[in-house]
Amino acid sequence: MNPEVEAVKESRGAGALDNTCHFLQENVRPAGLIRSFVIRDLRARYIGSFMGFFWSVIHPIVLLVSYTFVFSIIFGLRPRPDTGTTSFPLFLFCSILPWLFFQDTLQRSSTVVIDNTSLVTKTLFPTEVLPLTVMLAGLVNHLIGFAILLIVVIFSIGKISVVILFLPVYLLVLMMFTLGLSWLVASLNVFVRDVSQVLSVILTFWFWFTPIFYTAERFPPGCSSCYAGIRWLT
């Protein structure tokens, strides 16, 4: 291959890596600002409420009980044998926790810039920090729910799988994917205010079309390719 072409590719790759590192440094630099915004966000959610942080536990538990009653007791759904558990509530809790974090962060990020218009327009403020603080505040609630999940696993199964060692990888992938989409919807909603409404519709479809409450056997015979496409959303 032409050495000049190789040199151009290497320079482009190095330039992209440098730009990525610079972008991450710029977002991490105002650490004090990010911390104060995360604390403010958490306080704003629960300040004045009698239950306080317990609401971050109550909401997923209520959803879990509701979905378990409808889909496990009424419709008689059971997890697939390859899911590692025969308990539908446990299977559902593992599935719904990352979704709640993803959905809440995305919806709140879509309007976070507009909600802080006075701060953005009157000062030289790094707007990319706003979706980041929303995600970190949601991560606190997510970790609380995850701690509850571990307690349930210990009491119901009696042991924790070695797969728990991949928890940092899981959190990193989930955070990066969520943050990337949060930046996108936050910036688009500044110019097109319908983005937040459209996002709500998309997330509703995304939730119900994700194959958690149903399996491939429940699809009509001619829709196997459709199921394969939907399963990709999981």
C-alpha atoms as a PDB file:
ATOM      1  CA  MET A   1       0.000   0.000   0.000  1.00  0.00           C
ATOM      2  CA  ASN A   2       1.087   3.550  -0.661  1.00  0.00           C
ATOM      3  CA  PRO A   3       3.156   4.843   2.302  1.00  0.00           C
ATOM      4  CA  GLU A   4       1.639   8.316   1.899  1.00  0.00           C
ATOM      5  CA  VAL A   5      -1.878   6.894   2.265  1.00  0.00           C
ATOM      6  CA  GLU A   6      -0.798   5.003   5.380  1.00  0.00           C
ATOM      7  CA  ALA A   7       0.704   8.178   6.827  1.00  0.00           C
ATOM      8  CA  VAL A   8      -2.524  10.106   6.187  1.00  0.00           C
ATOM      9  CA  LYS A   9      -4.614   7.373   7.860  1.00  0.00           C
ATOM     10  CA  GLU A  10      -2.309   7.301  10.878  1.00  0.00           C
ATOM     11  CA  SER A  11      -2.419  11.084  11.219  1.00  0.00           C
ATOM     12  CA  ARG A  12      -6.223  11.083  10.995  1.00  0.00           C
ATOM     13  CA  GLY A  13      -6.472   8.354  13.597  1.00  0.00           C
ATOM     14  CA  ALA A  14      -4.114  10.176  15.920  1.00  0.00           C
ATOM     15  CA  GLY A  15      -6.021  13.417  15.363  1.00  0.00           C
ATOM     16  CA  ALA A  16      -9.347  11.779  16.192  1.00  0.00           C
ATOM     17  CA  LEU A  17      -7.849  10.275  19.357  1.00  0.00           C
ATOM     18  CA  ASP A  18      -6.406  13.633  20.392  1.00  0.00           C
ATOM     19  CA  ASN A  19      -9.756  15.346  19.817  1.00  0.00           C
ATOM     20  CA  THR A  20     -11.539  12.708  21.890  1.00  0.00           C
ATOM     21  CA  CYS A  21      -9.063  13.025  24.756  1.00  0.00           C
ATOM     22  CA  HIS A  22      -9.328  16.817  24.620  1.00  0.00           C
ATOM     23  CA  PHE A  23     -13.121  16.639  24.664  1.00  0.00           C
ATOM     24  CA  LEU A  24     -13.109  14.337  27.696  1.00  0.00           C
ATOM     25  CA  GLN A  25     -10.635  16.578  29.515  1.00  0.00           C
ATOM     26  CA  GLU A  26     -12.818  19.612  28.895  1.00  0.00           C
ATOM     27  CA  ASN A  27     -15.826  17.831  30.395  1.00  0.00           C
ATOM     28  CA  VAL A  28     -13.949  16.517  33.417  1.00  0.00           C
ATOM     29  CA  ARG A  29     -12.154  19.801  34.156  1.00  0.00           C
ATOM     30  CA  PRO A  30     -15.106  21.560  35.874  1.00  0.00           C
ATOM     31  CA  ALA A  31     -15.389  18.717  38.416  1.00  0.00           C
ATOM     32  CA  GLY A  32     -16.440  21.051  41.222  1.00  0.00           C
ATOM     33  CA  LEU A  33     -19.176  22.557  39.076  1.00  0.00           C
ATOM     34  CA  ILE A  34     -20.422  19.116  38.063  1.00  0.00           C
ATOM     35  CA  ARG A  35     -20.481  17.930  41.674  1.00  0.00           C
ATOM     36  CA  SER A  36     -22.445  20.956  42.845  1.00  0.00           C
ATOM     37  CA  PHE A  37     -24.984  20.548  40.022  1.00  0.00           C
ATOM     38  CA  VAL A  38     -25.440  16.861  40.783  1.00  0.00           C
ATOM     39  CA  ILE A  39     -26.067  17.632  44.465  1.00  0.00           C
ATOM     40  CA  ARG A  40     -28.461  20.413  43.507  1.00  0.00           C
ATOM     41  CA  ASP A  41     -30.337  18.073  41.161  1.00  0.00           C
ATOM     42  CA  LEU A  42     -30.699  15.376  43.812  1.00  0.00           C
ATOM     43  CA  ARG A  43     -31.859  17.879  46.409  1.00  0.00           C
ATOM     44  CA  ALA A  44     -34.367  19.412  43.979  1.00  0.00           C
ATOM     45  CA  ARG A  45     -35.918  15.991  43.392  1.00  0.00           C
ATOM     46  CA  TYR A  46     -36.511  15.145  47.020  1.00  0.00           C
ATOM     47  CA  ILE A  47     -36.304  18.394  48.999  1.00  0.00           C
ATOM     48  CA  GLY A  48     -39.388  18.935  51.129  1.00  0.00           C
ATOM     49  CA  SER A  49     -40.619  15.359  50.688  1.00  0.00           C
ATOM     50  CA  PHE A  50     -41.142  13.212  53.745  1.00  0.00           C
ATOM     51  CA  MET A  51     -39.690  10.042  52.186  1.00  0.00           C
ATOM     52  CA  GLY A  52     -36.684  11.736  50.592  1.00  0.00           C
ATOM     53  CA  PHE A  53     -34.316   9.322  48.839  1.00  0.00           C
ATOM     54  CA  PHE A  54     -36.646   6.421  49.587  1.00  0.00           C
ATOM     55  CA  TRP A  55     -38.685   7.529  46.560  1.00  0.00           C
ATOM     56  CA  SER A  56     -35.816   6.364  44.363  1.00  0.00           C
ATOM     57  CA  VAL A  57     -36.419   2.915  45.823  1.00  0.00           C
ATOM     58  CA  ILE A  58     -40.220   3.021  45.880  1.00  0.00           C
ATOM     59  CA  HIS A  59     -40.703   3.900  42.193  1.00  0.00           C
ATOM     60  CA  PRO A  60     -38.852   0.892  40.683  1.00  0.00           C
ATOM     61  CA  ILE A  61     -40.386  -1.451  43.280  1.00  0.00           C
ATOM     62  CA  VAL A  62     -43.912  -0.269  42.396  1.00  0.00           C
ATOM     63  CA  LEU A  63     -43.192  -0.799  38.695  1.00  0.00           C
ATOM     64  CA  LEU A  64     -41.717  -4.209  39.444  1.00  0.00           C
ATOM     65  CA  VAL A  65     -44.750  -5.312  41.463  1.00  0.00           C
ATOM     66  CA  SER A  66     -47.153  -3.983  38.813  1.00  0.00           C
ATOM     67  CA  TYR A  67     -45.413  -5.650  35.863  1.00  0.00           C
ATOM     68  CA  THR A  68     -44.933  -8.891  37.810  1.00  0.00           C
ATOM     69  CA  PHE A  69     -48.626  -9.040  38.675  1.00  0.00           C
ATOM     70  CA  VAL A  70     -49.748  -8.380  35.087  1.00  0.00           C
ATOM     71  CA  PHE A  71     -47.239 -10.446  33.119  1.00  0.00           C
ATOM     72  CA  SER A  72     -46.313 -13.219  35.562  1.00  0.00           C
ATOM     73  CA  ILE A  73     -49.532 -13.818  37.469  1.00  0.00           C
ATOM     74  CA  ILE A  74     -52.179 -12.784  34.921  1.00  0.00           C
ATOM     75  CA  PHE A  75     -50.453 -13.818  31.659  1.00  0.00           C
ATOM     76  CA  GLY A  76     -48.291 -16.540  33.211  1.00  0.00           C
ATOM     77  CA  LEU A  77     -44.996 -15.513  31.609  1.00  0.00           C
ATOM     78  CA  ARG A  78     -41.798 -17.230  32.724  1.00  0.00           C
ATOM     79  CA  PRO A  79     -38.139 -16.432  31.956  1.00  0.00           C
ATOM     80  CA  ARG A  80     -36.387 -18.465  29.289  1.00  0.00           C
ATOM     81  CA  PRO A  81     -34.171 -21.308  30.582  1.00  0.00           C
ATOM     82  CA  ASP A  82     -31.020 -19.545  29.340  1.00  0.00           C
ATOM     83  CA  THR A  83     -31.643 -16.421  31.461  1.00  0.00           C
ATOM     84  CA  GLY A  84     -30.071 -17.973  34.560  1.00  0.00           C
ATOM     85  CA  THR A  85     -33.128 -17.692  36.812  1.00  0.00           C
ATOM     86  CA  THR A  86     -36.641 -19.075  37.080  1.00  0.00           C
ATOM     87  CA  SER A  87     -37.891 -16.063  39.038  1.00  0.00           C
ATOM     88  CA  PHE A  88     -39.761 -13.664  36.784  1.00  0.00           C
ATOM     89  CA  PRO A  89     -39.595 -10.724  39.257  1.00  0.00           C
ATOM     90  CA  LEU A  90     -35.815 -11.114  39.512  1.00  0.00           C
ATOM     91  CA  PHE A  91     -35.474 -11.401  35.746  1.00  0.00           C
ATOM     92  CA  LEU A  92     -37.669  -8.350  35.251  1.00  0.00           C
ATOM     93  CA  PHE A  93     -35.840  -6.304  37.877  1.00  0.00           C
ATOM     94  CA  CYS A  94     -32.498  -6.973  36.144  1.00  0.00           C
ATOM     95  CA  SER A  95     -34.023  -5.877  32.848  1.00  0.00           C
ATOM     96  CA  ILE A  96     -35.900  -2.807  33.994  1.00  0.00           C
ATOM     97  CA  LEU A  97     -33.166  -1.153  36.095  1.00  0.00           C
ATOM     98  CA  PRO A  98     -30.927  -0.042  33.198  1.00  0.00           C
ATOM     99  CA  TRP A  99     -33.988   1.024  31.226  1.00  0.00           C
ATOM    100  CA  LEU A 100     -35.253   3.283  34.013  1.00  0.00           C
ATOM    101  CA  PHE A 101     -31.842   4.952  34.196  1.00  0.00           C
ATOM    102  CA  PHE A 102     -31.650   5.345  30.424  1.00  0.00           C
ATOM    103  CA  GLN A 103     -35.213   6.633  30.037  1.00  0.00           C
ATOM    104  CA  ASP A 104     -35.088   9.105  32.931  1.00  0.00           C
ATOM    105  CA  THR A 105     -31.721  10.545  31.857  1.00  0.00           C
ATOM    106  CA  LEU A 106     -32.766  10.932  28.236  1.00  0.00           C
ATOM    107  CA  GLN A 107     -36.115  12.573  28.998  1.00  0.00           C
ATOM    108  CA  ARG A 108     -34.698  15.021  31.530  1.00  0.00           C
ATOM    109  CA  SER A 109     -31.691  15.837  29.339  1.00  0.00           C
ATOM    110  CA  SER A 110     -33.922  16.812  26.425  1.00  0.00           C
ATOM    111  CA  THR A 111     -35.098  19.915  28.303  1.00  0.00           C
ATOM    112  CA  VAL A 112     -32.152  20.571  30.607  1.00  0.00           C
ATOM    113  CA  VAL A 113     -30.646  23.356  28.464  1.00  0.00           C
ATOM    114  CA  ILE A 114     -33.990  25.148  28.114  1.00  0.00           C
ATOM    115  CA  ASP A 115     -34.659  24.754  31.833  1.00  0.00           C
ATOM    116  CA  ASN A 116     -31.368  26.565  32.513  1.00  0.00           C
ATOM    117  CA  THR A 117     -31.760  29.274  29.867  1.00  0.00           C
ATOM    118  CA  SER A 118     -30.910  32.123  32.229  1.00  0.00           C
ATOM    119  CA  LEU A 119     -27.694  30.404  33.255  1.00  0.00           C
ATOM    120  CA  VAL A 120     -26.653  29.583  29.694  1.00  0.00           C
ATOM    121  CA  THR A 121     -27.435  32.965  28.129  1.00  0.00           C
ATOM    122  CA  LYS A 122     -26.159  35.280  30.866  1.00  0.00           C
ATOM    123  CA  THR A 123     -22.830  33.596  31.584  1.00  0.00           C
ATOM    124  CA  LEU A 124     -20.121  31.732  29.691  1.00  0.00           C
ATOM    125  CA  PHE A 125     -21.364  28.321  30.730  1.00  0.00           C
ATOM    126  CA  PRO A 126     -20.317  24.918  29.308  1.00  0.00           C
ATOM    127  CA  THR A 127     -23.709  23.577  28.245  1.00  0.00           C
ATOM    128  CA  GLU A 128     -22.357  20.076  27.668  1.00  0.00           C
ATOM    129  CA  VAL A 129     -22.036  19.769  31.439  1.00  0.00           C
ATOM    130  CA  LEU A 130     -25.808  19.919  31.952  1.00  0.00           C
ATOM    131  CA  PRO A 131     -26.715  16.504  30.433  1.00  0.00           C
ATOM    132  CA  LEU A 132     -23.676  15.071  32.208  1.00  0.00           C
ATOM    133  CA  THR A 133     -24.955  16.214  35.595  1.00  0.00           C
ATOM    134  CA  VAL A 134     -28.416  14.809  34.833  1.00  0.00           C
ATOM    135  CA  MET A 135     -26.860  11.452  33.985  1.00  0.00           C
ATOM    136  CA  LEU A 136     -24.704  11.380  37.140  1.00  0.00           C
ATOM    137  CA  ALA A 137     -27.694  12.242  39.318  1.00  0.00           C
ATOM    138  CA  GLY A 138     -29.638   9.423  37.677  1.00  0.00           C
ATOM    139  CA  LEU A 139     -26.655   7.128  38.202  1.00  0.00           C
ATOM    140  CA  VAL A 140     -26.971   7.612  41.973  1.00  0.00           C
ATOM    141  CA  ASN A 141     -30.567   6.326  41.851  1.00  0.00           C
ATOM    142  CA  HIS A 142     -29.503   3.524  39.531  1.00  0.00           C
ATOM    143  CA  LEU A 143     -26.825   2.348  41.966  1.00  0.00           C
ATOM    144  CA  ILE A 144     -29.351   2.411  44.811  1.00  0.00           C
ATOM    145  CA  GLY A 145     -31.643   0.164  42.785  1.00  0.00           C
ATOM    146  CA  PHE A 146     -28.705  -2.059  41.883  1.00  0.00           C
ATOM    147  CA  ALA A 147     -27.811  -2.451  45.562  1.00  0.00           C
ATOM    148  CA  ILE A 148     -31.392  -3.575  46.232  1.00  0.00           C
ATOM    149  CA  LEU A 149     -31.078  -6.044  43.361  1.00  0.00           C
ATOM    150  CA  LEU A 150     -27.922  -7.562  44.869  1.00  0.00           C
ATOM    151  CA  ILE A 151     -29.678  -7.976  48.217  1.00  0.00           C
ATOM    152  CA  VAL A 152     -32.609  -9.716  46.507  1.00  0.00           C
ATOM    153  CA  VAL A 153     -30.228 -11.999  44.584  1.00  0.00           C
ATOM    154  CA  ILE A 154     -28.373 -12.987  47.766  1.00  0.00           C
ATOM    155  CA  PHE A 155     -31.570 -13.821  49.636  1.00  0.00           C
ATOM    156  CA  SER A 156     -33.302 -15.589  46.742  1.00  0.00           C
ATOM    157  CA  ILE A 157     -30.399 -17.468  45.127  1.00  0.00           C
ATOM    158  CA  GLY A 158     -27.855 -17.491  47.948  1.00  0.00           C
ATOM    159  CA  LYS A 159     -24.875 -16.500  45.832  1.00  0.00           C
ATOM    160  CA  ILE A 160     -23.641 -13.884  43.385  1.00  0.00           C
ATOM    161  CA  SER A 161     -22.306 -14.873  39.989  1.00  0.00           C
ATOM    162  CA  VAL A 162     -18.757 -14.017  38.925  1.00  0.00           C
ATOM    163  CA  VAL A 163     -20.381 -11.986  36.139  1.00  0.00           C
ATOM    164  CA  ILE A 164     -20.622  -9.210  38.748  1.00  0.00           C
ATOM    165  CA  LEU A 165     -16.953  -8.534  37.934  1.00  0.00           C
ATOM    166  CA  PHE A 166     -18.149  -7.051  34.635  1.00  0.00           C
ATOM    167  CA  LEU A 167     -20.180  -4.422  36.490  1.00  0.00           C
ATOM    168  CA  PRO A 168     -17.695  -1.576  35.724  1.00  0.00           C
ATOM    169  CA  VAL A 169     -17.805  -2.469  32.024  1.00  0.00           C
ATOM    170  CA  TYR A 170     -21.607  -2.554  32.084  1.00  0.00           C
ATOM    171  CA  LEU A 171     -21.789   0.847  33.809  1.00  0.00           C
ATOM    172  CA  LEU A 172     -19.240   2.403  31.447  1.00  0.00           C
ATOM    173  CA  VAL A 173     -21.061   1.222  28.312  1.00  0.00           C
ATOM    174  CA  LEU A 174     -24.460   2.244  29.667  1.00  0.00           C
ATOM    175  CA  MET A 175     -23.207   5.674  30.745  1.00  0.00           C
ATOM    176  CA  MET A 176     -21.417   6.443  27.468  1.00  0.00           C
ATOM    177  CA  PHE A 177     -24.381   5.347  25.343  1.00  0.00           C
ATOM    178  CA  THR A 178     -26.841   7.302  27.487  1.00  0.00           C
ATOM    179  CA  LEU A 179     -24.645  10.393  27.648  1.00  0.00           C
ATOM    180  CA  GLY A 180     -24.098  10.441  23.895  1.00  0.00           C
ATOM    181  CA  LEU A 181     -27.832  10.358  23.170  1.00  0.00           C
ATOM    182  CA  SER A 182     -28.461  12.881  25.968  1.00  0.00           C
ATOM    183  CA  TRP A 183     -26.101  15.384  24.363  1.00  0.00           C
ATOM    184  CA  LEU A 184     -27.837  14.822  21.036  1.00  0.00           C
ATOM    185  CA  VAL A 185     -31.420  15.342  22.246  1.00  0.00           C
ATOM    186  CA  ALA A 186     -30.413  18.270  24.488  1.00  0.00           C
ATOM    187  CA  SER A 187     -28.847  20.130  21.565  1.00  0.00           C
ATOM    188  CA  LEU A 188     -31.646  19.305  19.112  1.00  0.00           C
ATOM    189  CA  ASN A 189     -34.373  20.403  21.508  1.00  0.00           C
ATOM    190  CA  VAL A 190     -32.864  23.892  21.659  1.00  0.00           C
ATOM    191  CA  PHE A 191     -33.732  24.390  17.988  1.00  0.00           C
ATOM    192  CA  VAL A 192     -36.777  22.114  17.677  1.00  0.00           C
ATOM    193  CA  ARG A 193     -38.935  22.063  20.793  1.00  0.00           C
ATOM    194  CA  ASP A 194     -40.882  19.051  19.519  1.00  0.00           C
ATOM    195  CA  VAL A 195     -37.866  16.819  20.160  1.00  0.00           C
ATOM    196  CA  SER A 196     -38.791  16.208  23.796  1.00  0.00           C
ATOM    197  CA  GLN A 197     -42.336  15.187  22.802  1.00  0.00           C
ATOM    198  CA  VAL A 198     -41.151  12.946  19.981  1.00  0.00           C
ATOM    199  CA  LEU A 199     -38.606  11.421  22.341  1.00  0.00           C
ATOM    200  CA  SER A 200     -41.353  10.466  24.789  1.00  0.00           C
ATOM    201  CA  VAL A 201     -43.189   8.613  22.012  1.00  0.00           C
ATOM    202  CA  ILE A 202     -40.014   6.865  20.822  1.00  0.00           C
ATOM    203  CA  LEU A 203     -39.121   5.738  24.329  1.00  0.00           C
ATOM    204  CA  THR A 204     -42.610   4.301  24.825  1.00  0.00           C
ATOM    205  CA  PHE A 205     -42.316   2.261  21.627  1.00  0.00           C
ATOM    206  CA  TRP A 206     -38.760   1.290  22.489  1.00  0.00           C
ATOM    207  CA  PHE A 207     -39.822  -0.027  25.898  1.00  0.00           C
ATOM    208  CA  TRP A 208     -42.671  -2.207  24.676  1.00  0.00           C
ATOM    209  CA  PHE A 209     -40.916  -3.401  21.519  1.00  0.00           C
ATOM    210  CA  THR A 210     -37.888  -4.604  23.472  1.00  0.00           C
ATOM    211  CA  PRO A 211     -38.303  -8.397  23.858  1.00  0.00           C
ATOM    212  CA  ILE A 212     -38.361  -8.671  27.646  1.00  0.00           C
ATOM    213  CA  PHE A 213     -42.033  -9.438  28.169  1.00  0.00           C
ATOM    214  CA  TYR A 214     -42.231 -11.871  25.263  1.00  0.00           C
ATOM    215  CA  THR A 215     -40.132 -14.441  23.403  1.00  0.00           C
ATOM    216  CA  ALA A 216     -39.660 -15.463  19.778  1.00  0.00           C
ATOM    217  CA  GLU A 217     -42.195 -18.270  20.172  1.00  0.00           C
ATOM    218  CA  ARG A 218     -44.991 -15.725  20.614  1.00  0.00           C
ATOM    219  CA  PHE A 219     -44.297 -14.116  17.222  1.00  0.00           C
ATOM    220  CA  PRO A 220     -46.228 -15.249  14.134  1.00  0.00           C
ATOM    221  CA  PRO A 221     -44.230 -17.636  11.891  1.00  0.00           C
ATOM    222  CA  GLY A 222     -43.635 -15.006   9.203  1.00  0.00           C
ATOM    223  CA  CYS A 223     -42.273 -12.388  11.586  1.00  0.00           C
ATOM    224  CA  SER A 224     -39.002 -14.029  12.640  1.00  0.00           C
ATOM    225  CA  SER A 225     -36.935 -11.400  10.843  1.00  0.00           C
ATOM    226  CA  CYS A 226     -38.966  -8.672  12.573  1.00  0.00           C
ATOM    227  CA  TYR A 227     -38.205 -10.267  15.940  1.00  0.00           C
ATOM    228  CA  ALA A 228     -34.488 -10.373  15.122  1.00  0.00           C
ATOM    229  CA  GLY A 229     -34.556  -6.649  14.404  1.00  0.00           C
ATOM    230  CA  ILE A 230     -36.476  -5.867  17.585  1.00  0.00           C
ATOM    231  CA  ARG A 231     -34.175  -8.013  19.701  1.00  0.00           C
ATOM    232  CA  TRP A 232     -31.274  -5.844  18.560  1.00  0.00           C
ATOM    233  CA  LEU A 233     -32.791  -3.017  20.637  1.00  0.00           C
ATOM    234  CA  THR A 234     -32.265  -4.964  23.865  1.00  0.00           C
END
